[in-house]
Amino acid sequence: MPIKPMARKISCTQCRWSGIYAPPGDAVFEAPPTQCPKCGCEQLKHKPASKVDELVSKFTGQLPS
């Protein structure tokens, strides 16, 4: 049975940028970012996203690219 991956909150350790990476289904077509889209730093923190984070990202459309 396919299981959808958990949403992840990704934040930059240098400029404090953050975003939510939430795959739409069990097939991952796009990998999470490996560097900050704002400053280019490659040191990103990954942690599970809360339900509030997921809802906010859905309504604001702020998913990292």
C-alpha atoms as a PDB file:
ATOM      1  CA  MET A   1       0.000   0.000   0.000  1.00  0.00           C
ATOM      2  CA  PRO A   2       1.510   3.361  -1.018  1.00  0.00           C
ATOM      3  CA  ILE A   3       2.232   5.809   1.772  1.00  0.00           C
ATOM      4  CA  LYS A   4       2.531   9.556   1.204  1.00  0.00           C
ATOM      5  CA  PRO A   5       5.821  10.953   2.595  1.00  0.00           C
ATOM      6  CA  MET A   6       5.587  13.358   5.505  1.00  0.00           C
ATOM      7  CA  ALA A   7       5.910  17.075   4.822  1.00  0.00           C
ATOM      8  CA  ARG A   8       9.258  18.567   5.879  1.00  0.00           C
ATOM      9  CA  LYS A   9      10.058  22.072   7.083  1.00  0.00           C
ATOM     10  CA  ILE A  10      13.348  23.190   5.573  1.00  0.00           C
ATOM     11  CA  SER A  11      15.237  26.178   6.949  1.00  0.00           C
ATOM     12  CA  CYS A  12      18.532  27.860   6.102  1.00  0.00           C
ATOM     13  CA  THR A  13      21.124  28.093   8.867  1.00  0.00           C
ATOM     14  CA  GLN A  14      22.613  31.262   7.392  1.00  0.00           C
ATOM     15  CA  CYS A  15      19.781  33.628   6.335  1.00  0.00           C
ATOM     16  CA  ARG A  16      16.880  32.021   8.266  1.00  0.00           C
ATOM     17  CA  TRP A  17      14.806  31.351   5.106  1.00  0.00           C
ATOM     18  CA  SER A  18      12.282  28.544   5.615  1.00  0.00           C
ATOM     19  CA  GLY A  19       9.814  26.649   3.486  1.00  0.00           C
ATOM     20  CA  ILE A  20       7.715  23.496   3.425  1.00  0.00           C
ATOM     21  CA  TYR A  21       8.482  20.546   1.152  1.00  0.00           C
ATOM     22  CA  ALA A  22       5.312  18.478   0.816  1.00  0.00           C
ATOM     23  CA  PRO A  23       5.241  15.834  -1.927  1.00  0.00           C
ATOM     24  CA  PRO A  24       1.720  15.568  -3.414  1.00  0.00           C
ATOM     25  CA  GLY A  25       1.686  11.752  -3.260  1.00  0.00           C
ATOM     26  CA  ASP A  26       3.749   8.628  -2.734  1.00  0.00           C
ATOM     27  CA  ALA A  27       5.651   9.122  -6.017  1.00  0.00           C
ATOM     28  CA  VAL A  28       8.313  11.765  -5.401  1.00  0.00           C
ATOM     29  CA  PHE A  29       8.839  13.674  -8.648  1.00  0.00           C
ATOM     30  CA  GLU A  30      10.842  16.561  -7.246  1.00  0.00           C
ATOM     31  CA  ALA A  31      13.578  16.268  -4.636  1.00  0.00           C
ATOM     32  CA  PRO A  32      13.717  18.718  -1.736  1.00  0.00           C
ATOM     33  CA  PRO A  33      16.050  21.685  -2.253  1.00  0.00           C
ATOM     34  CA  THR A  34      19.738  21.095  -1.529  1.00  0.00           C
ATOM     35  CA  GLN A  35      20.609  24.770  -1.192  1.00  0.00           C
ATOM     36  CA  CYS A  36      18.824  27.898   0.005  1.00  0.00           C
ATOM     37  CA  PRO A  37      16.961  29.681  -2.826  1.00  0.00           C
ATOM     38  CA  LYS A  38      17.561  33.019  -1.091  1.00  0.00           C
ATOM     39  CA  CYS A  39      21.308  32.995  -0.278  1.00  0.00           C
ATOM     40  CA  GLY A  40      22.639  29.769  -1.867  1.00  0.00           C
ATOM     41  CA  CYS A  41      23.826  28.259   1.434  1.00  0.00           C
ATOM     42  CA  GLU A  42      24.016  24.452   1.352  1.00  0.00           C
ATOM     43  CA  GLN A  43      23.501  23.956   5.098  1.00  0.00           C
ATOM     44  CA  LEU A  44      19.776  23.390   5.411  1.00  0.00           C
ATOM     45  CA  LYS A  45      17.972  21.985   8.440  1.00  0.00           C
ATOM     46  CA  HIS A  46      15.196  19.457   7.832  1.00  0.00           C
ATOM     47  CA  LYS A  47      12.518  18.608  10.378  1.00  0.00           C
ATOM     48  CA  PRO A  48       8.957  17.279  10.250  1.00  0.00           C
ATOM     49  CA  ALA A  49       6.439  19.998   9.398  1.00  0.00           C
ATOM     50  CA  SER A  50       3.537  20.607  11.752  1.00  0.00           C
ATOM     51  CA  LYS A  51      -0.050  20.480  10.488  1.00  0.00           C
ATOM     52  CA  VAL A  52      -0.194  24.281  10.860  1.00  0.00           C
ATOM     53  CA  ASP A  53       2.908  24.640   8.646  1.00  0.00           C
ATOM     54  CA  GLU A  54       1.283  22.425   6.007  1.00  0.00           C
ATOM     55  CA  LEU A  55      -1.980  24.375   6.018  1.00  0.00           C
ATOM     56  CA  VAL A  56      -0.220  27.744   5.802  1.00  0.00           C
ATOM     57  CA  SER A  57       1.896  26.540   2.867  1.00  0.00           C
ATOM     58  CA  LYS A  58      -1.201  25.286   1.011  1.00  0.00           C
ATOM     59  CA  PHE A  59      -3.007  28.608   1.343  1.00  0.00           C
ATOM     60  CA  THR A  60      -0.036  30.868   0.653  1.00  0.00           C
ATOM     61  CA  GLY A  61       1.546  28.673  -2.022  1.00  0.00           C
ATOM     62  CA  GLN A  62       4.963  29.043  -0.409  1.00  0.00           C
ATOM     63  CA  LEU A  63       6.607  25.775  -1.293  1.00  0.00           C
ATOM     64  CA  PRO A  64      10.366  25.775  -1.879  1.00  0.00           C
ATOM     65  CA  SER A  65      11.467  25.242  -5.462  1.00  0.00           C
END
